[in-house]
C-alpha atoms as a PDB file:
ATOM      1  CA  MET A   1      24.659   9.545  12.016  1.00  0.00           C
ATOM      2  CA  SER A   2      27.411   7.701  13.508  1.00  0.00           C
ATOM      3  CA  ASP A   3      29.001   5.999  10.449  1.00  0.00           C
ATOM      4  CA  PRO A   4      29.847   8.820   7.697  1.00  0.00           C
ATOM      5  CA  SER A   5      29.876   5.713   5.052  1.00  0.00           C
ATOM      6  CA  ALA A   6      26.440   4.630   6.371  1.00  0.00           C
ATOM      7  CA  PRO A   7      23.504   5.387   4.054  1.00  0.00           C
ATOM      8  CA  ILE A   8      21.707   8.490   5.106  1.00  0.00           C
ATOM      9  CA  ARG A   9      18.055   7.475   6.728  1.00  0.00           C
ATOM     10  CA  VAL A  10      15.562  10.211   5.583  1.00  0.00           C
ATOM     11  CA  ALA A  11      11.964  10.194   6.711  1.00  0.00           C
ATOM     12  CA  HIS A  12       9.594  12.154   4.602  1.00  0.00           C
ATOM     13  CA  ILE A  13       6.407  12.893   5.931  1.00  0.00           C
ATOM     14  CA  GLU A  14       3.418  13.409   3.658  1.00  0.00           C
ATOM     15  CA  MET A  15      -0.044  13.789   5.124  1.00  0.00           C
ATOM     16  CA  GLY A  16      -2.451  13.993   1.755  1.00  0.00           C
ATOM     17  CA  SER A  17      -4.933  10.756   1.468  1.00  0.00           C
ATOM     18  CA  HIS A  18      -4.951  11.337  -2.191  1.00  0.00           C
ATOM     19  CA  LEU A  19      -2.397  10.681  -4.721  1.00  0.00           C
ATOM     20  CA  TYR A  20      -2.619  14.083  -6.652  1.00  0.00           C
ATOM     21  CA  GLY A  21      -0.003  16.207  -8.186  1.00  0.00           C
ATOM     22  CA  GLY A  22       2.158  16.822  -4.828  1.00  0.00           C
ATOM     23  CA  ALA A  23       2.110  13.376  -3.279  1.00  0.00           C
ATOM     24  CA  GLN A  24       2.795  11.904  -6.666  1.00  0.00           C
ATOM     25  CA  GLN A  25       6.133  14.011  -6.731  1.00  0.00           C
ATOM     26  CA  VAL A  26       6.719  12.526  -3.464  1.00  0.00           C
ATOM     27  CA  LEU A  27       6.458   9.318  -4.706  1.00  0.00           C
ATOM     28  CA  TYR A  28       8.649   9.931  -7.890  1.00  0.00           C
ATOM     29  CA  LEU A  29      11.400  11.210  -5.348  1.00  0.00           C
ATOM     30  CA  LEU A  30      11.208   8.012  -3.096  1.00  0.00           C
ATOM     31  CA  GLU A  31      11.721   5.923  -5.962  1.00  0.00           C
ATOM     32  CA  ALA A  32      14.512   7.829  -7.371  1.00  0.00           C
ATOM     33  CA  LEU A  33      16.217   7.964  -3.886  1.00  0.00           C
ATOM     34  CA  SER A  34      15.586   3.772  -3.873  1.00  0.00           C
ATOM     35  CA  SER A  35      18.815   3.971  -6.407  1.00  0.00           C
ATOM     36  CA  SER A  36      21.004   6.328  -3.913  1.00  0.00           C
ATOM     37  CA  ASP A  37      22.785   6.175  -1.098  1.00  0.00           C
ATOM     38  CA  VAL A  38      19.539   7.020   0.583  1.00  0.00           C
ATOM     39  CA  THR A  39      17.296   5.003   3.130  1.00  0.00           C
ATOM     40  CA  SER A  40      13.778   6.286   2.751  1.00  0.00           C
ATOM     41  CA  THR A  41      11.119   5.752   5.437  1.00  0.00           C
ATOM     42  CA  LEU A  42       7.243   7.436   4.189  1.00  0.00           C
ATOM     43  CA  ILE A  43       5.527   8.567   7.005  1.00  0.00           C
ATOM     44  CA  CYS A  44       1.887   8.978   5.817  1.00  0.00           C
ATOM     45  CA  PRO A  45      -1.683   8.535   7.277  1.00  0.00           C
ATOM     46  CA  VAL A  46      -3.627   5.229   7.592  1.00  0.00           C
ATOM     47  CA  GLY A  47      -5.013   4.046   4.235  1.00  0.00           C
ATOM     48  CA  SER A  48      -3.343   6.663   1.945  1.00  0.00           C
ATOM     49  CA  ALA A  49      -2.932   6.052  -1.655  1.00  0.00           C
ATOM     50  CA  ILE A  50       0.538   7.168  -1.553  1.00  0.00           C
ATOM     51  CA  GLY A  51       1.369   4.709   1.376  1.00  0.00           C
ATOM     52  CA  LYS A  52       0.043   1.973  -0.831  1.00  0.00           C
ATOM     53  CA  ALA A  53       1.732   3.013  -3.926  1.00  0.00           C
ATOM     54  CA  ALA A  54       4.908   3.344  -2.074  1.00  0.00           C
ATOM     55  CA  ARG A  55       4.749  -0.044  -0.609  1.00  0.00           C
ATOM     56  CA  GLU A  56       4.277  -1.548  -3.968  1.00  0.00           C
ATOM     57  CA  ARG A  57       7.542   0.042  -5.023  1.00  0.00           C
ATOM     58  CA  GLY A  58       9.401  -1.466  -2.168  1.00  0.00           C
ATOM     59  CA  VAL A  59       9.769   1.633   0.215  1.00  0.00           C
ATOM     60  CA  ALA A  60       9.410   1.443   3.736  1.00  0.00           C
ATOM     61  CA  VAL A  61       5.985   2.790   4.886  1.00  0.00           C
ATOM     62  CA  GLU A  62       4.960   3.803   8.451  1.00  0.00           C
ATOM     63  CA  GLU A  63       1.201   4.704   8.542  1.00  0.00           C
ATOM     64  CA  VAL A  64      -0.248   6.892  11.382  1.00  0.00           C
ATOM     65  CA  GLY A  65      -3.584   7.894  12.559  1.00  0.00           C
ATOM     66  CA  TYR A  66      -4.290  11.383  11.269  1.00  0.00           C
ATOM     67  CA  ARG A  67      -7.848  13.227  11.765  1.00  0.00           C
ATOM     68  CA  GLY A  68      -6.384  16.480   9.792  1.00  0.00           C
ATOM     69  CA  ASP A  69      -4.546  19.598   9.931  1.00  0.00           C
ATOM     70  CA  LEU A  70      -5.076  20.147  13.506  1.00  0.00           C
ATOM     71  CA  ASP A  71      -4.484  16.779  14.872  1.00  0.00           C
ATOM     72  CA  TRP A  72      -1.797  17.377  17.599  1.00  0.00           C
ATOM     73  CA  MET A  73      -1.795  13.626  18.479  1.00  0.00           C
ATOM     74  CA  VAL A  74       0.224  12.688  15.715  1.00  0.00           C
ATOM     75  CA  LEU A  75       2.995  14.932  16.871  1.00  0.00           C
ATOM     76  CA  PRO A  76       4.194  12.280  19.637  1.00  0.00           C
ATOM     77  CA  LYS A  77       3.603   9.407  16.741  1.00  0.00           C
ATOM     78  CA  ILE A  78       6.082  10.810  14.271  1.00  0.00           C
ATOM     79  CA  LYS A  79       8.805  11.703  17.009  1.00  0.00           C
ATOM     80  CA  ARG A  80       8.603   8.155  18.158  1.00  0.00           C
ATOM     81  CA  LEU A  81       9.017   6.734  14.635  1.00  0.00           C
ATOM     82  CA  LEU A  82      11.969   8.973  13.916  1.00  0.00           C
ATOM     83  CA  ARG A  83      13.658   7.701  17.302  1.00  0.00           C
ATOM     84  CA  GLN A  84      12.743   4.050  16.027  1.00  0.00           C
ATOM     85  CA  ARG A  85      14.367   4.304  12.406  1.00  0.00           C
ATOM     86  CA  SER A  86      17.428   6.236  13.656  1.00  0.00           C
ATOM     87  CA  ILE A  87      16.409   8.793  11.195  1.00  0.00           C
ATOM     88  CA  ASP A  88      19.473  11.256  10.160  1.00  0.00           C
ATOM     89  CA  LEU A  89      17.205  14.002   8.150  1.00  0.00           C
ATOM     90  CA  VAL A  90      13.361  14.764   7.938  1.00  0.00           C
ATOM     91  CA  HIS A  91      11.867  16.040   4.766  1.00  0.00           C
ATOM     92  CA  VAL A  92       8.626  17.089   5.156  1.00  0.00           C
ATOM     93  CA  HIS A  93       5.964  18.001   2.343  1.00  0.00           C
ATOM     94  CA  SER A  94       4.080  20.946   2.739  1.00  0.00           C
ATOM     95  CA  ARG A  95       0.509  19.331   2.578  1.00  0.00           C
ATOM     96  CA  ARG A  96      -2.217  18.540   5.329  1.00  0.00           C
ATOM     97  CA  GLY A  97      -0.239  19.646   8.307  1.00  0.00           C
ATOM     98  CA  ALA A  98       2.955  17.620   7.546  1.00  0.00           C
ATOM     99  CA  ASP A  99       4.889  20.939   7.361  1.00  0.00           C
ATOM    100  CA  VAL A 100       4.014  21.803  10.912  1.00  0.00           C
ATOM    101  CA  TRP A 101       4.115  18.232  12.770  1.00  0.00           C
ATOM    102  CA  GLY A 102       6.989  17.311  10.783  1.00  0.00           C
ATOM    103  CA  GLY A 103       8.816  20.425  11.626  1.00  0.00           C
ATOM    104  CA  LEU A 104       7.891  20.345  15.253  1.00  0.00           C
ATOM    105  CA  ALA A 105       8.805  16.379  15.595  1.00  0.00           C
ATOM    106  CA  ALA A 106      12.292  17.089  13.854  1.00  0.00           C
ATOM    107  CA  ARG A 107      12.939  20.073  16.084  1.00  0.00           C
ATOM    108  CA  GLN A 108      11.780  18.498  19.387  1.00  0.00           C
ATOM    109  CA  VAL A 109      13.960  15.193  18.061  1.00  0.00           C
ATOM    110  CA  GLY A 110      16.928  17.365  17.429  1.00  0.00           C
ATOM    111  CA  LEU A 111      17.006  16.501  13.692  1.00  0.00           C
ATOM    112  CA  PRO A 112      17.771  18.690  10.729  1.00  0.00           C
ATOM    113  CA  CYS A 113      14.632  19.445   8.460  1.00  0.00           C
ATOM    114  CA  VAL A 114      13.684  20.695   4.951  1.00  0.00           C
ATOM    115  CA  ILE A 115      10.582  21.605   3.663  1.00  0.00           C
ATOM    116  CA  SER A 116       9.380  21.273   0.151  1.00  0.00           C
ATOM    117  CA  ARG A 117       6.888  23.875  -0.808  1.00  0.00           C
ATOM    118  CA  ARG A 118       4.656  23.440  -3.932  1.00  0.00           C
ATOM    119  CA  VAL A 119       2.351  25.969  -4.064  1.00  0.00           C
ATOM    120  CA  ASP A 120       2.320  29.457  -4.635  1.00  0.00           C
ATOM    121  CA  HIS A 121      -0.486  31.111  -2.483  1.00  0.00           C
ATOM    122  CA  HIS A 122       0.847  33.799   0.280  1.00  0.00           C
ATOM    123  CA  GLU A 123       0.536  33.055   3.784  1.00  0.00           C
ATOM    124  CA  ALA A 124       0.141  35.524   6.749  1.00  0.00           C
ATOM    125  CA  ARG A 125       3.714  36.729   7.666  1.00  0.00           C
ATOM    126  CA  TRP A 126       3.488  35.432  11.371  1.00  0.00           C
ATOM    127  CA  TRP A 127       2.408  32.146  10.227  1.00  0.00           C
ATOM    128  CA  ALA A 128       5.081  31.881   7.443  1.00  0.00           C
ATOM    129  CA  GLY A 129       7.463  33.192  10.416  1.00  0.00           C
ATOM    130  CA  PHE A 130       6.526  30.268  12.499  1.00  0.00           C
ATOM    131  CA  LYS A 131       6.387  27.282  10.164  1.00  0.00           C
ATOM    132  CA  TYR A 132       9.527  27.865   8.393  1.00  0.00           C
ATOM    133  CA  ALA A 133      11.322  28.486  11.625  1.00  0.00           C
ATOM    134  CA  LEU A 134      10.998  24.871  12.212  1.00  0.00           C
ATOM    135  CA  CYS A 135      13.107  23.859   9.209  1.00  0.00           C
ATOM    136  CA  ASP A 136      16.422  24.474   8.362  1.00  0.00           C
ATOM    137  CA  HIS A 137      15.856  25.149   4.686  1.00  0.00           C
ATOM    138  CA  VAL A 138      12.962  25.376   2.307  1.00  0.00           C
ATOM    139  CA  ILE A 139      12.688  23.871  -1.086  1.00  0.00           C
ATOM    140  CA  ALA A 140      10.672  25.845  -3.657  1.00  0.00           C
ATOM    141  CA  ILE A 141       9.709  24.131  -6.866  1.00  0.00           C
ATOM    142  CA  SER A 142       9.487  27.182  -8.876  1.00  0.00           C
ATOM    143  CA  GLU A 143      11.218  30.591  -8.917  1.00  0.00           C
ATOM    144  CA  GLY A 144       7.561  31.837  -8.772  1.00  0.00           C
ATOM    145  CA  ILE A 145       7.143  29.899  -5.400  1.00  0.00           C
ATOM    146  CA  ARG A 146      10.331  31.208  -3.943  1.00  0.00           C
ATOM    147  CA  ALA A 147       9.347  34.699  -4.772  1.00  0.00           C
ATOM    148  CA  VAL A 148       5.948  34.234  -2.752  1.00  0.00           C
ATOM    149  CA  LEU A 149       7.961  32.938   0.084  1.00  0.00           C
ATOM    150  CA  LEU A 150      10.506  35.761   0.287  1.00  0.00           C
ATOM    151  CA  ALA A 151       7.223  38.118   0.061  1.00  0.00           C
ATOM    152  CA  ASP A 152       5.946  36.458   3.388  1.00  0.00           C
ATOM    153  CA  GLY A 153       9.024  37.264   4.996  1.00  0.00           C
ATOM    154  CA  VAL A 154      11.334  33.788   4.616  1.00  0.00           C
ATOM    155  CA  SER A 155      14.847  34.941   4.225  1.00  0.00           C
ATOM    156  CA  ALA A 156      16.228  34.440   0.832  1.00  0.00           C
ATOM    157  CA  GLU A 157      19.594  32.377   2.349  1.00  0.00           C
ATOM    158  CA  LYS A 158      16.937  29.986   3.599  1.00  0.00           C
ATOM    159  CA  VAL A 159      15.204  29.229   0.475  1.00  0.00           C
ATOM    160  CA  SER A 160      16.193  27.268  -2.879  1.00  0.00           C
ATOM    161  CA  CYS A 161      14.646  26.754  -5.926  1.00  0.00           C
ATOM    162  CA  VAL A 162      14.927  22.992  -6.960  1.00  0.00           C
ATOM    163  CA  ARG A 163      12.236  22.260  -9.651  1.00  0.00           C
ATOM    164  CA  SER A 164      10.194  19.011  -9.917  1.00  0.00           C
ATOM    165  CA  ALA A 165      11.854  16.598 -12.332  1.00  0.00           C
ATOM    166  CA  VAL A 166      10.197  14.538 -15.125  1.00  0.00           C
ATOM    167  CA  ASP A 167      11.445  10.968 -15.892  1.00  0.00           C
ATOM    168  CA  PHE A 168      11.292  11.286 -20.067  1.00  0.00           C
ATOM    169  CA  GLU A 169      11.473   7.169 -19.877  1.00  0.00           C
ATOM    170  CA  ARG A 170       7.894   7.092 -19.106  1.00  0.00           C
ATOM    171  CA  PHE A 171       6.762   8.885 -21.875  1.00  0.00           C
ATOM    172  CA  GLN A 172       8.554   7.377 -24.662  1.00  0.00           C
ATOM    173  CA  THR A 173       6.394   4.926 -25.682  1.00  0.00           C
ATOM    174  CA  VAL A 174       3.768   5.875 -28.565  1.00  0.00           C
ATOM    175  CA  SER A 175       0.458   6.418 -27.334  1.00  0.00           C
ATOM    176  CA  ASP A 176      -2.435   4.052 -28.263  1.00  0.00           C
ATOM    177  CA  SER A 177      -4.298   6.876 -29.727  1.00  0.00           C
ATOM    178  CA  PRO A 178      -7.091   4.729 -31.535  1.00  0.00           C
ATOM    179  CA  GLY A 179      -7.280   2.980 -28.177  1.00  0.00           C
ATOM    180  CA  VAL A 180      -7.962   6.017 -26.563  1.00  0.00           C
ATOM    181  CA  LYS A 181     -10.594   7.308 -28.944  1.00  0.00           C
ATOM    182  CA  ALA A 182     -12.362   4.218 -28.692  1.00  0.00           C
ATOM    183  CA  ARG A 183     -12.416   3.995 -24.810  1.00  0.00           C
ATOM    184  CA  PHE A 184     -14.178   7.273 -24.828  1.00  0.00           C
ATOM    185  CA  GLY A 185     -15.902   6.865 -27.816  1.00  0.00           C
ATOM    186  CA  LEU A 186     -14.515   9.569 -29.775  1.00  0.00           C
ATOM    187  CA  PRO A 187     -14.059  10.166 -33.561  1.00  0.00           C
ATOM    188  CA  ASP A 188     -11.385   8.417 -35.537  1.00  0.00           C
ATOM    189  CA  ASP A 189     -10.536  11.811 -36.727  1.00  0.00           C
ATOM    190  CA  SER A 190     -10.926  13.767 -33.775  1.00  0.00           C
ATOM    191  CA  VAL A 191      -7.587  15.778 -32.291  1.00  0.00           C
ATOM    192  CA  VAL A 192      -7.431  14.758 -28.259  1.00  0.00           C
ATOM    193  CA  VAL A 193      -6.316  17.009 -25.875  1.00  0.00           C
ATOM    194  CA  GLY A 194      -6.052  15.844 -22.145  1.00  0.00           C
ATOM    195  CA  MET A 195      -6.016  17.875 -18.877  1.00  0.00           C
ATOM    196  CA  ALA A 196      -4.845  15.945 -16.065  1.00  0.00           C
ATOM    197  CA  ALA A 197      -5.321  18.213 -12.953  1.00  0.00           C
ATOM    198  CA  GLN A 198      -7.383  18.219  -9.585  1.00  0.00           C
ATOM    199  CA  LEU A 199     -10.594  20.124 -10.195  1.00  0.00           C
ATOM    200  CA  ILE A 200      -9.712  23.374  -7.816  1.00  0.00           C
ATOM    201  CA  PRO A 201      -9.793  26.914  -8.776  1.00  0.00           C
ATOM    202  CA  ARG A 202      -5.885  27.660  -9.301  1.00  0.00           C
ATOM    203  CA  LYS A 203      -5.682  24.884 -12.045  1.00  0.00           C
ATOM    204  CA  GLY A 204      -7.454  27.023 -14.512  1.00  0.00           C
ATOM    205  CA  HIS A 205     -10.012  24.850 -15.895  1.00  0.00           C
ATOM    206  CA  ASP A 206     -12.285  27.826 -16.692  1.00  0.00           C
ATOM    207  CA  VAL A 207      -9.176  29.213 -19.144  1.00  0.00           C
ATOM    208  CA  LEU A 208      -9.464  25.790 -20.788  1.00  0.00           C
ATOM    209  CA  LEU A 209     -13.167  25.838 -21.473  1.00  0.00           C
ATOM    210  CA  GLU A 210     -12.683  29.332 -23.091  1.00  0.00           C
ATOM    211  CA  ALA A 211     -10.022  28.544 -25.496  1.00  0.00           C
ATOM    212  CA  VAL A 212     -12.208  25.463 -26.472  1.00  0.00           C
ATOM    213  CA  SER A 213     -14.896  27.845 -27.097  1.00  0.00           C
ATOM    214  CA  ALA A 214     -12.486  30.204 -29.201  1.00  0.00           C
ATOM    215  CA  LEU A 215     -11.111  26.929 -31.277  1.00  0.00           C
ATOM    216  CA  LYS A 216     -14.169  24.674 -31.721  1.00  0.00           C
ATOM    217  CA  ASP A 217     -15.451  26.515 -35.141  1.00  0.00           C
ATOM    218  CA  ARG A 218     -12.056  26.631 -36.375  1.00  0.00           C
ATOM    219  CA  TRP A 219     -11.310  22.907 -35.360  1.00  0.00           C
ATOM    220  CA  PRO A 220     -14.342  21.040 -35.119  1.00  0.00           C
ATOM    221  CA  GLN A 221     -12.291  17.866 -34.728  1.00  0.00           C
ATOM    222  CA  LEU A 222     -10.859  19.241 -31.358  1.00  0.00           C
ATOM    223  CA  ARG A 223     -11.789  17.014 -28.341  1.00  0.00           C
ATOM    224  CA  VAL A 224     -10.820  17.417 -24.796  1.00  0.00           C
ATOM    225  CA  LEU A 225     -10.768  15.038 -21.668  1.00  0.00           C
ATOM    226  CA  ILE A 226     -10.584  16.416 -18.259  1.00  0.00           C
ATOM    227  CA  MET A 227      -9.167  13.870 -16.136  1.00  0.00           C
ATOM    228  CA  GLY A 228      -9.389  14.370 -12.181  1.00  0.00           C
ATOM    229  CA  LYS A 229     -11.588  15.234  -9.372  1.00  0.00           C
ATOM    230  CA  GLY A 230     -12.300  17.906  -6.753  1.00  0.00           C
ATOM    231  CA  PRO A 231     -14.610  20.314  -5.410  1.00  0.00           C
ATOM    232  CA  LEU A 232     -15.123  22.037  -8.706  1.00  0.00           C
ATOM    233  CA  ALA A 233     -16.539  19.060 -10.493  1.00  0.00           C
ATOM    234  CA  THR A 234     -20.118  20.143 -10.689  1.00  0.00           C
ATOM    235  CA  SER A 235     -19.202  23.511 -11.465  1.00  0.00           C
ATOM    236  CA  VAL A 236     -16.800  22.461 -14.395  1.00  0.00           C
ATOM    237  CA  ALA A 237     -19.784  20.214 -15.767  1.00  0.00           C
ATOM    238  CA  GLN A 238     -22.186  23.313 -15.532  1.00  0.00           C
ATOM    239  CA  GLN A 239     -19.613  25.372 -17.587  1.00  0.00           C
ATOM    240  CA  ILE A 240     -19.561  22.986 -20.071  1.00  0.00           C
ATOM    241  CA  GLU A 241     -22.990  22.910 -20.383  1.00  0.00           C
ATOM    242  CA  ALA A 242     -23.579  26.625 -20.392  1.00  0.00           C
ATOM    243  CA  MET A 243     -20.911  27.200 -23.138  1.00  0.00           C
ATOM    244  CA  ASP A 244     -22.512  24.327 -25.082  1.00  0.00           C
ATOM    245  CA  LEU A 245     -19.182  22.374 -25.133  1.00  0.00           C
ATOM    246  CA  GLU A 246     -20.970  18.818 -24.620  1.00  0.00           C
ATOM    247  CA  GLU A 247     -19.700  17.565 -27.911  1.00  0.00           C
ATOM    248  CA  GLN A 248     -15.812  19.059 -27.319  1.00  0.00           C
ATOM    249  CA  VAL A 249     -15.287  18.297 -23.874  1.00  0.00           C
ATOM    250  CA  ARG A 250     -15.924  15.516 -21.567  1.00  0.00           C
ATOM    251  CA  CYS A 251     -15.149  14.796 -17.669  1.00  0.00           C
ATOM    252  CA  VAL A 252     -13.525  11.326 -17.355  1.00  0.00           C
ATOM    253  CA  GLY A 253     -12.901  11.330 -13.416  1.00  0.00           C
ATOM    254  CA  PHE A 254      -9.878  10.383 -11.925  1.00  0.00           C
ATOM    255  CA  LEU A 255      -7.675   8.061 -13.878  1.00  0.00           C
ATOM    256  CA  THR A 256      -4.285   6.321 -12.862  1.00  0.00           C
END
């Protein structure tokens, strides 16, 4: 960066197609940075949900053709954009190959790079060694994720824990409980619990269903709305039926 007083130009690379939790956190970050001395550019796949949402919020968006984690042809596209945008720092988000291709692009262009890590599953040590060598620092969103990274061979000096933030202003309004109940056809006296999560194993929908099964006789007014979509949609629906929870639990799909 030639002028120390100029805004820092940061490229955020997010290769997920859907606006799930990780991509939503990237969007929150982009929104917050818009009021700081940081100029952000989002690099994302053509037609992705986060690209549309970011553009609606006034964020600069560069879309690239991308066919999946192994699409090496995205590498020269990212490098070209980093040069065109005169980027100072690359922030890659560890989803759908963004960490590898973004890290390689930053390394080859000669830019500093950080990676945000949002999941806690282990990686082979050789793979972790290769991938995280591409970046200058790793941001873990919890101490648990940081511990996993250290166990996989990433040096402690290279990993910092920066927890995901919540904008409390978004949740200050009183919820329209009668409206929610009417929308989903729930009894007026029901106590409604919502779970918003992708339907994948690590989210723990099975634990939720076990809890509802244990509580339904003591709390007959309990109703649960499962919001989201994913590969376990059919399995969760079958569990609800097998556990005789159709009255208590309803899957309502992905909501925004």
